[in-house]
């Protein structure tokens, strides 16, 4: 079952990019006791997203778009995000 932050990220990314594929993996358990682990169980995530919105956009700009769509989540409420963003043409 998705936690509150994971569910919020899913909703924000779906609204912003209408993805053809979206998988959010909670990696927090693998980082238990490490730097950035706040004990919430929602501190580290991997986002795999495919969207036509990323067509012709550089990898860095795709990450910027995702971070902007997520608002205060990256760096404030989540310690680490690994982002794998692609377009259907990739």
N, C-alpha and C. Protein backbone atom coordinates (compact mmCIF):
# COMPACT_ATOMS: atom_id res chain seq x y z
N UNK A 1 0.84 -1.18 0.00
CA UNK A 1 0.00 0.00 0.00
C UNK A 1 0.88 1.24 0.00
N UNK A 2 0.57 2.19 -0.85
CA UNK A 2 1.35 3.41 -0.97
C UNK A 2 1.13 4.30 0.24
N UNK A 3 2.22 4.92 0.67
CA UNK A 3 2.14 5.89 1.75
C UNK A 3 1.62 7.22 1.22
N UNK A 4 1.43 8.16 2.12
CA UNK A 4 0.86 9.46 1.77
C UNK A 4 1.72 10.21 0.76
N UNK A 5 3.03 10.25 0.97
CA UNK A 5 3.92 10.99 0.07
C UNK A 5 3.95 10.32 -1.30
N UNK A 6 4.04 9.00 -1.32
CA UNK A 6 4.05 8.27 -2.59
C UNK A 6 2.77 8.52 -3.37
N UNK A 7 1.64 8.48 -2.72
CA UNK A 7 0.35 8.72 -3.37
C UNK A 7 0.28 10.15 -3.90
N UNK A 8 0.79 11.10 -3.14
CA UNK A 8 0.78 12.50 -3.58
C UNK A 8 1.67 12.68 -4.81
N UNK A 9 2.85 12.04 -4.81
CA UNK A 9 3.73 12.13 -5.97
C UNK A 9 3.05 11.55 -7.20
N UNK A 10 2.39 10.41 -7.04
CA UNK A 10 1.69 9.76 -8.15
C UNK A 10 0.63 10.70 -8.73
N UNK A 11 -0.15 11.33 -7.87
CA UNK A 11 -1.20 12.24 -8.33
C UNK A 11 -0.61 13.46 -9.04
N UNK A 12 0.43 14.06 -8.47
CA UNK A 12 1.04 15.24 -9.07
C UNK A 12 1.65 14.93 -10.43
N UNK A 13 2.35 13.82 -10.54
CA UNK A 13 2.99 13.46 -11.81
C UNK A 13 1.95 13.08 -12.86
N UNK A 14 0.89 12.41 -12.46
CA UNK A 14 -0.18 12.06 -13.39
C UNK A 14 -0.85 13.31 -13.93
N UNK A 15 -1.11 14.27 -13.06
CA UNK A 15 -1.75 15.52 -13.46
C UNK A 15 -0.84 16.34 -14.39
N UNK A 16 0.44 16.40 -14.07
CA UNK A 16 1.37 17.24 -14.83
C UNK A 16 1.76 16.65 -16.18
N UNK A 17 1.87 15.32 -16.28
CA UNK A 17 2.47 14.73 -17.47
C UNK A 17 1.60 13.71 -18.21
N UNK A 18 0.44 13.36 -17.69
CA UNK A 18 -0.41 12.33 -18.32
C UNK A 18 0.46 11.18 -18.83
N UNK A 19 1.20 10.55 -17.94
CA UNK A 19 2.18 9.54 -18.39
C UNK A 19 1.55 8.29 -18.98
N UNK A 20 2.27 7.71 -19.95
CA UNK A 20 1.85 6.42 -20.50
C UNK A 20 2.40 5.29 -19.63
N UNK A 21 3.33 5.62 -18.76
CA UNK A 21 3.87 4.68 -17.79
C UNK A 21 4.38 5.42 -16.57
N UNK A 22 4.06 4.94 -15.39
CA UNK A 22 4.52 5.57 -14.15
C UNK A 22 4.65 4.51 -13.07
N UNK A 23 5.87 4.34 -12.58
CA UNK A 23 6.13 3.42 -11.47
C UNK A 23 6.93 4.19 -10.42
N UNK A 24 6.43 4.22 -9.21
CA UNK A 24 7.14 4.85 -8.09
C UNK A 24 7.47 3.74 -7.11
N UNK A 25 8.76 3.59 -6.85
CA UNK A 25 9.24 2.55 -5.94
C UNK A 25 9.78 3.19 -4.67
N UNK A 26 9.28 2.75 -3.54
CA UNK A 26 9.76 3.24 -2.25
C UNK A 26 11.00 2.45 -1.87
N UNK A 27 12.15 3.12 -1.89
CA UNK A 27 13.44 2.50 -1.57
C UNK A 27 13.88 2.77 -0.13
N UNK A 28 13.02 3.32 0.67
CA UNK A 28 13.39 3.79 2.01
C UNK A 28 13.94 2.69 2.91
N UNK A 29 13.38 1.50 2.84
CA UNK A 29 13.83 0.42 3.73
C UNK A 29 15.30 0.09 3.51
N UNK A 30 15.78 0.25 2.29
CA UNK A 30 17.19 -0.03 1.99
C UNK A 30 18.12 1.03 2.56
N UNK A 31 17.56 2.15 3.00
CA UNK A 31 18.36 3.26 3.54
C UNK A 31 18.12 3.49 5.02
N UNK A 32 17.44 2.55 5.67
CA UNK A 32 17.13 2.67 7.10
C UNK A 32 18.42 2.89 7.90
N UNK A 33 18.43 3.94 8.70
CA UNK A 33 19.59 4.25 9.54
C UNK A 33 20.65 5.06 8.85
N UNK A 34 20.50 5.31 7.56
CA UNK A 34 21.48 6.09 6.82
C UNK A 34 21.11 7.57 6.85
N UNK A 35 22.00 8.39 6.34
CA UNK A 35 21.75 9.82 6.23
C UNK A 35 20.47 10.06 5.43
N UNK A 36 19.63 10.93 5.92
CA UNK A 36 18.39 11.26 5.25
C UNK A 36 17.21 10.41 5.64
N UNK A 37 17.44 9.32 6.37
CA UNK A 37 16.34 8.48 6.84
C UNK A 37 15.69 9.18 8.02
N UNK A 38 14.48 9.68 7.81
CA UNK A 38 13.80 10.42 8.88
C UNK A 38 12.87 9.54 9.71
N UNK A 39 12.87 8.24 9.43
CA UNK A 39 12.03 7.31 10.17
C UNK A 39 10.59 7.24 9.68
N UNK A 40 10.26 8.02 8.66
CA UNK A 40 8.88 8.05 8.15
C UNK A 40 8.57 6.86 7.25
N UNK A 41 9.62 6.22 6.74
CA UNK A 41 9.41 5.15 5.78
C UNK A 41 9.17 5.67 4.38
N UNK A 42 9.28 6.98 4.21
CA UNK A 42 9.09 7.61 2.91
C UNK A 42 10.17 8.67 2.68
N UNK A 43 11.42 8.23 2.66
CA UNK A 43 12.54 9.17 2.50
C UNK A 43 13.31 9.00 1.20
N UNK A 44 13.20 7.85 0.55
CA UNK A 44 13.95 7.55 -0.67
C UNK A 44 13.03 6.86 -1.69
N UNK A 45 13.01 7.38 -2.92
CA UNK A 45 12.15 6.82 -3.96
C UNK A 45 12.86 6.78 -5.30
N UNK A 46 12.41 5.86 -6.14
CA UNK A 46 12.78 5.83 -7.55
C UNK A 46 11.51 6.07 -8.36
N UNK A 47 11.60 7.01 -9.30
CA UNK A 47 10.47 7.32 -10.18
C UNK A 47 10.86 6.92 -11.59
N UNK A 48 10.05 6.07 -12.21
CA UNK A 48 10.20 5.72 -13.62
C UNK A 48 8.95 6.23 -14.32
N UNK A 49 9.13 7.16 -15.24
CA UNK A 49 7.99 7.79 -15.89
C UNK A 49 8.24 7.93 -17.38
N UNK A 50 7.22 7.61 -18.15
CA UNK A 50 7.25 7.80 -19.60
C UNK A 50 6.11 8.72 -19.98
N UNK A 51 6.43 9.77 -20.74
CA UNK A 51 5.42 10.73 -21.13
C UNK A 51 5.81 11.41 -22.44
N UNK A 52 4.83 11.69 -23.27
CA UNK A 52 5.06 12.44 -24.50
C UNK A 52 5.56 13.85 -24.18
N UNK A 53 5.30 14.34 -22.97
CA UNK A 53 5.76 15.67 -22.57
C UNK A 53 7.28 15.77 -22.56
N UNK A 54 7.98 14.64 -22.54
CA UNK A 54 9.44 14.64 -22.51
C UNK A 54 10.08 14.52 -23.89
N UNK A 55 9.27 14.45 -24.93
CA UNK A 55 9.79 14.33 -26.29
C UNK A 55 10.62 15.57 -26.64
N UNK A 56 11.85 15.33 -27.06
CA UNK A 56 12.75 16.41 -27.45
C UNK A 56 13.33 17.20 -26.30
N UNK A 57 13.16 16.72 -25.08
CA UNK A 57 13.63 17.41 -23.88
C UNK A 57 14.85 16.67 -23.33
N UNK A 58 15.88 17.41 -22.94
CA UNK A 58 17.09 16.79 -22.41
C UNK A 58 16.81 16.09 -21.08
N UNK A 59 17.70 15.16 -20.73
CA UNK A 59 17.56 14.42 -19.47
C UNK A 59 17.51 15.37 -18.27
N UNK A 60 18.39 16.38 -18.27
CA UNK A 60 18.42 17.34 -17.16
C UNK A 60 17.13 18.14 -17.09
N UNK A 61 16.63 18.59 -18.23
CA UNK A 61 15.38 19.36 -18.23
C UNK A 61 14.19 18.50 -17.83
N UNK A 62 14.21 17.22 -18.17
CA UNK A 62 13.14 16.31 -17.72
C UNK A 62 13.13 16.23 -16.20
N UNK A 63 14.32 16.12 -15.61
CA UNK A 63 14.40 16.06 -14.14
C UNK A 63 13.92 17.37 -13.53
N UNK A 64 14.27 18.47 -14.14
CA UNK A 64 13.80 19.77 -13.63
C UNK A 64 12.28 19.87 -13.69
N UNK A 65 11.70 19.40 -14.79
CA UNK A 65 10.24 19.42 -14.94
C UNK A 65 9.57 18.59 -13.84
N UNK A 66 10.13 17.43 -13.57
CA UNK A 66 9.57 16.55 -12.55
C UNK A 66 9.70 17.17 -11.17
N UNK A 67 10.88 17.70 -10.85
CA UNK A 67 11.07 18.34 -9.55
C UNK A 67 10.12 19.52 -9.37
N UNK A 68 9.91 20.29 -10.44
CA UNK A 68 8.97 21.43 -10.35
C UNK A 68 7.55 20.93 -10.10
N UNK A 69 7.14 19.88 -10.80
CA UNK A 69 5.79 19.34 -10.62
C UNK A 69 5.57 18.81 -9.21
N UNK A 70 6.65 18.31 -8.58
CA UNK A 70 6.54 17.74 -7.24
C UNK A 70 6.60 18.79 -6.13
N UNK A 71 6.84 20.04 -6.48
CA UNK A 71 6.81 21.13 -5.50
C UNK A 71 7.82 20.95 -4.38
N UNK A 72 7.33 20.94 -3.13
CA UNK A 72 8.22 20.90 -1.97
C UNK A 72 8.64 19.47 -1.58
N UNK A 73 8.21 18.49 -2.33
CA UNK A 73 8.54 17.11 -1.95
C UNK A 73 10.03 16.83 -2.06
N UNK A 74 10.67 17.07 -3.23
CA UNK A 74 12.11 16.78 -3.32
C UNK A 74 12.93 17.73 -2.43
N UNK A 75 13.76 17.17 -1.61
CA UNK A 75 14.65 17.97 -0.77
C UNK A 75 14.03 18.48 0.52
N UNK A 76 12.72 18.55 0.57
CA UNK A 76 12.04 19.02 1.78
C UNK A 76 11.41 17.85 2.53
N UNK A 77 10.57 17.10 1.82
CA UNK A 77 9.84 16.00 2.45
C UNK A 77 10.41 14.63 2.10
N UNK A 78 11.19 14.58 1.02
CA UNK A 78 11.84 13.34 0.60
C UNK A 78 13.32 13.64 0.45
N UNK A 79 14.15 12.79 1.03
CA UNK A 79 15.59 13.01 1.01
C UNK A 79 16.20 12.75 -0.37
N UNK A 80 15.76 11.70 -1.06
CA UNK A 80 16.40 11.33 -2.32
C UNK A 80 15.38 10.78 -3.32
N UNK A 81 15.53 11.25 -4.57
CA UNK A 81 14.72 10.74 -5.67
C UNK A 81 15.66 10.31 -6.79
N UNK A 82 15.52 9.10 -7.25
CA UNK A 82 16.19 8.66 -8.47
C UNK A 82 15.14 8.76 -9.57
N UNK A 83 15.45 9.48 -10.64
CA UNK A 83 14.46 9.73 -11.69
C UNK A 83 14.93 9.12 -13.00
N UNK A 84 14.04 8.32 -13.59
CA UNK A 84 14.27 7.74 -14.91
C UNK A 84 13.10 8.19 -15.78
N UNK A 85 13.30 9.26 -16.53
CA UNK A 85 12.23 9.84 -17.34
C UNK A 85 12.50 9.59 -18.82
N UNK A 86 11.48 9.15 -19.54
CA UNK A 86 11.63 8.88 -20.96
C UNK A 86 10.40 9.33 -21.71
N UNK A 87 10.57 9.46 -23.03
CA UNK A 87 9.43 9.72 -23.90
C UNK A 87 9.11 8.43 -24.65
N UNK A 88 7.94 8.31 -25.25
CA UNK A 88 7.62 7.09 -25.98
C UNK A 88 8.61 6.82 -27.13
N UNK A 89 9.27 7.85 -27.61
CA UNK A 89 10.21 7.69 -28.72
C UNK A 89 11.58 7.20 -28.27
N UNK A 90 11.88 7.25 -26.97
CA UNK A 90 13.20 6.85 -26.47
C UNK A 90 13.42 5.35 -26.60
